[in-house]
Amino acid sequence: MTFKRARTEEQISDRKQEIINACKQLYLSGDYDAVNMKEISKITSISRASLYTYYSTKEEILLSLLMQCYLELGKILQVDFDSRELMSKEEYSRLLAKRWSEHDLLISLTSIHYTTLEKKCSQHTLNDYKTQLRPFFKTFDDGLKKFFPHITEKQIKNFAVLFFSLMNGLYPMTHLSDKQAEAMTKGIPNYTPPDFYEISKIGILALMNNF
């Protein structure tokens, strides 16, 4: 099949989605190190050289994948929030912990979000990422305002910073590789990694005690 350059906005969008889908496939098969432009070109209709027309680095592709994960989760949270009139701190904590725990790809990517992905993206790509995530963060903030109307804007901002720091840091501690698990048992016999849902639920509720 002869490769044809994408010319319309729709064609460009389709080509980018094909790249993101290939990136996702590689990431799920072997995490960050499994993703590279050469492998992406093998499982798409796009040559390795042409990939750079759309993304400058593999980190930019992964950031686009992360953005899609966030927007997908945002739609789910919007339905959750719209379907309830009242929610206690305990119920809210369980809901957020449950929704995040259902999105392994999201929590995996967030663990390298600030340390790896954003550092290797162009300013334009990073600006676009932050802009397109506005609907997600609006849903997040609106949920807090709806169920806890007494909290201040400063409390919302502080909670968001602490909440996302918690979510970003939990994945490596709750999803150990076989090598890491074996090493941990050397220092702590019968060590069992904490469950992401359970530990995040406890953490979220602790953060909300400041309201």
Protein backbone atom coordinates (compact mmCIF):
# COMPACT_ATOMS: atom_id res chain seq x y z
CA MET A 1 0.00 0.00 0.00
CA THR A 2 1.39 3.39 -0.99
CA PHE A 3 1.79 5.85 1.87
CA LYS A 4 -0.13 9.09 1.37
CA ARG A 5 0.65 12.25 3.30
CA ALA A 6 -2.18 13.49 5.51
CA ARG A 7 -3.39 16.86 4.30
CA THR A 8 -6.74 17.65 5.90
CA GLU A 9 -7.28 18.22 9.63
CA GLU A 10 -9.28 15.00 9.79
CA GLN A 11 -6.50 13.02 8.10
CA ILE A 12 -3.90 14.49 10.46
CA SER A 13 -6.07 13.66 13.47
CA ASP A 14 -6.55 10.09 12.22
CA ARG A 15 -2.81 9.70 11.66
CA LYS A 16 -2.04 10.97 15.17
CA GLN A 17 -4.58 8.58 16.66
CA GLU A 18 -2.98 5.69 14.79
CA ILE A 19 0.36 6.67 16.33
CA ILE A 20 -1.14 6.98 19.81
CA ASN A 21 -2.82 3.57 19.49
CA ALA A 22 0.49 1.99 18.48
CA CYS A 23 2.23 3.72 21.39
CA LYS A 24 -0.41 2.36 23.77
CA GLN A 25 0.06 -1.16 22.42
CA LEU A 26 3.82 -0.99 22.93
CA TYR A 27 3.57 0.61 26.38
CA LEU A 28 1.15 -2.04 27.62
CA SER A 29 3.47 -4.77 26.35
CA GLY A 30 6.61 -3.47 28.03
CA ASP A 31 6.18 -0.07 29.66
CA TYR A 32 8.21 3.04 28.84
CA ASP A 33 11.30 1.33 27.45
CA ALA A 34 9.25 -0.63 24.91
CA VAL A 35 8.11 2.56 23.17
CA ASN A 36 10.28 4.03 20.42
CA MET A 37 9.78 5.51 16.99
CA LYS A 38 11.22 2.49 15.19
CA GLU A 39 8.74 0.09 16.80
CA ILE A 40 5.83 2.48 16.30
CA SER A 41 6.60 2.70 12.58
CA LYS A 42 6.53 -1.10 12.34
CA ILE A 43 2.92 -1.36 13.51
CA THR A 44 1.52 1.69 11.72
CA SER A 45 1.21 2.81 8.12
CA ILE A 46 3.68 5.62 8.83
CA SER A 47 7.40 5.55 8.15
CA ARG A 48 9.83 6.31 10.94
CA ALA A 49 10.87 9.57 9.29
CA SER A 50 7.26 10.65 8.81
CA LEU A 51 6.45 10.08 12.49
CA TYR A 52 8.45 13.19 13.30
CA THR A 53 5.99 15.23 11.25
CA TYR A 54 3.48 14.62 14.05
CA TYR A 55 5.55 14.12 17.19
CA SER A 56 9.11 15.15 18.00
CA THR A 57 9.68 12.55 20.73
CA LYS A 58 8.08 9.40 22.07
CA GLU A 59 7.33 11.36 25.24
CA GLU A 60 5.04 13.66 23.27
CA ILE A 61 3.07 10.63 22.08
CA LEU A 62 2.85 9.26 25.61
CA LEU A 63 1.67 12.65 26.84
CA SER A 64 -1.11 12.59 24.24
CA LEU A 65 -2.04 9.11 25.43
CA LEU A 66 -2.10 10.34 29.03
CA MET A 67 -4.34 13.25 28.02
CA GLN A 68 -6.83 10.85 26.42
CA CYS A 69 -6.83 8.74 29.59
CA TYR A 70 -7.59 11.81 31.70
CA LEU A 71 -10.39 12.97 29.40
CA GLU A 72 -11.94 9.49 29.40
CA LEU A 73 -11.86 9.43 33.20
CA GLY A 74 -13.28 12.95 33.30
CA LYS A 75 -16.38 11.83 31.39
CA ILE A 76 -16.90 8.97 33.83
CA LEU A 77 -16.54 11.28 36.83
CA GLN A 78 -19.01 13.74 35.29
CA VAL A 79 -21.63 10.99 35.10
CA ASP A 80 -20.84 10.00 38.70
CA PHE A 81 -21.20 13.55 39.96
CA ASP A 82 -24.35 14.26 37.96
CA SER A 83 -26.06 11.13 39.29
CA ARG A 84 -25.66 12.16 42.95
CA GLU A 85 -27.03 15.07 44.94
CA LEU A 86 -25.14 14.38 48.17
CA MET A 87 -21.91 12.62 49.00
CA SER A 88 -20.04 12.24 52.28
CA LYS A 89 -16.27 12.46 52.55
CA GLU A 90 -16.12 8.69 52.91
CA GLU A 91 -18.26 8.15 49.81
CA TYR A 92 -16.27 10.69 47.80
CA SER A 93 -13.00 9.05 48.84
CA ARG A 94 -14.25 5.61 47.84
CA LEU A 95 -15.48 6.92 44.49
CA LEU A 96 -12.22 8.62 43.52
CA ALA A 97 -10.14 5.67 44.68
CA LYS A 98 -12.35 3.27 42.73
CA ARG A 99 -12.27 5.28 39.51
CA TRP A 100 -8.50 5.77 39.56
CA SER A 101 -7.90 2.11 40.41
CA GLU A 102 -9.91 1.13 37.33
CA HIS A 103 -7.49 3.02 35.07
CA ASP A 104 -4.13 1.23 35.32
CA LEU A 105 -2.76 2.90 32.21
CA LEU A 106 -3.53 6.34 33.61
CA ILE A 107 -1.90 5.76 36.98
CA SER A 108 1.09 4.13 35.32
CA LEU A 109 1.66 7.10 33.01
CA THR A 110 1.16 9.64 35.81
CA SER A 111 4.01 8.01 37.71
CA ILE A 112 6.42 9.30 35.00
CA HIS A 113 4.40 12.34 33.98
CA TYR A 114 6.45 15.12 35.57
CA THR A 115 9.79 13.36 35.87
CA THR A 116 10.04 12.09 32.29
CA LEU A 117 7.24 13.00 29.88
CA GLU A 118 6.92 16.75 30.33
CA LYS A 119 10.69 17.24 30.40
CA LYS A 120 11.08 15.85 26.89
CA CYS A 121 8.20 17.65 25.20
CA SER A 122 8.27 20.91 23.27
CA GLN A 123 6.74 23.98 24.86
CA HIS A 124 4.00 23.98 22.23
CA THR A 125 3.07 20.36 22.99
CA LEU A 126 3.06 20.99 26.72
CA ASN A 127 0.93 24.12 26.34
CA ASP A 128 -1.56 22.21 24.20
CA TYR A 129 -1.69 19.36 26.72
CA LYS A 130 -2.50 21.69 29.61
CA THR A 131 -5.13 23.53 27.56
CA GLN A 132 -6.94 20.38 26.44
CA LEU A 133 -7.09 19.08 30.02
CA ARG A 134 -9.20 22.03 31.19
CA PRO A 135 -12.50 20.06 30.94
CA PHE A 136 -11.10 17.34 33.20
CA PHE A 137 -9.95 19.75 35.88
CA LYS A 138 -13.22 21.67 35.69
CA THR A 139 -15.12 18.44 36.33
CA PHE A 140 -12.80 17.66 39.24
CA ASP A 141 -13.21 21.11 40.82
CA ASP A 142 -16.96 21.24 40.20
CA GLY A 143 -17.40 17.92 41.98
CA LEU A 144 -15.69 19.25 45.08
CA LYS A 145 -17.79 22.43 45.02
CA LYS A 146 -21.01 20.48 44.58
CA PHE A 147 -20.57 18.02 47.43
CA PHE A 148 -18.57 20.24 49.80
CA PRO A 149 -19.89 23.76 49.17
CA HIS A 150 -18.33 25.14 52.34
CA ILE A 151 -14.73 24.70 51.16
CA THR A 152 -12.75 27.66 49.87
CA GLU A 153 -10.93 28.07 46.56
CA LYS A 154 -7.63 27.79 48.43
CA GLN A 155 -8.72 24.49 49.99
CA ILE A 156 -9.71 23.18 46.56
CA LYS A 157 -6.31 24.11 45.11
CA ASN A 158 -4.45 22.59 48.07
CA PHE A 159 -6.50 19.40 47.89
CA ALA A 160 -5.87 19.08 44.14
CA VAL A 161 -2.10 19.46 44.55
CA LEU A 162 -1.98 16.91 47.37
CA PHE A 163 -4.42 14.53 45.67
CA PHE A 164 -2.54 14.38 42.36
CA SER A 165 0.78 14.08 44.19
CA LEU A 166 -0.69 11.07 46.00
CA MET A 167 -1.97 9.49 42.80
CA ASN A 168 1.29 10.11 40.95
CA GLY A 169 3.36 8.50 43.69
CA LEU A 170 1.30 5.43 44.52
CA TYR A 171 1.73 3.44 41.32
CA PRO A 172 5.40 2.46 41.82
CA MET A 173 4.65 1.37 45.40
CA THR A 174 1.58 -0.69 44.51
CA HIS A 175 2.70 -2.24 41.20
CA LEU A 176 6.07 -3.86 41.83
CA SER A 177 7.97 -5.72 39.14
CA ASP A 178 9.06 -9.28 39.92
CA LYS A 179 12.60 -8.01 40.53
CA GLN A 180 11.39 -5.31 42.94
CA ALA A 181 9.08 -7.72 44.76
CA GLU A 182 11.92 -10.21 45.29
CA ALA A 183 14.22 -7.45 46.56
CA MET A 184 11.59 -6.21 49.02
CA THR A 185 11.16 -9.68 50.51
CA LYS A 186 14.89 -9.79 51.21
CA GLY A 187 14.53 -6.84 53.55
CA ILE A 188 10.98 -7.52 54.73
CA PRO A 189 10.05 -11.22 54.73
CA ASN A 190 6.49 -11.93 53.55
CA TYR A 191 6.19 -8.36 52.23
CA THR A 192 2.95 -7.63 50.37
CA PRO A 193 2.59 -4.45 48.28
CA PRO A 194 -0.30 -2.22 49.38
CA ASP A 195 -3.48 -2.37 47.32
CA PHE A 196 -3.87 0.76 45.20
CA TYR A 197 -7.59 1.14 45.87
CA GLU A 198 -7.35 0.63 49.62
CA ILE A 199 -4.33 2.86 50.21
CA SER A 200 -5.58 5.64 47.92
CA LYS A 201 -8.99 5.59 49.64
CA ILE A 202 -7.28 6.05 53.02
CA GLY A 203 -5.06 8.79 51.64
CA ILE A 204 -7.89 10.74 49.98
CA LEU A 205 -9.99 10.64 53.16
CA ALA A 206 -7.02 11.87 55.19
CA LEU A 207 -6.60 14.81 52.81
CA MET A 208 -10.27 15.67 53.13
CA ASN A 209 -10.06 15.92 56.91
CA ASN A 210 -8.62 19.39 56.36
CA PHE A 211 -12.00 20.60 55.00
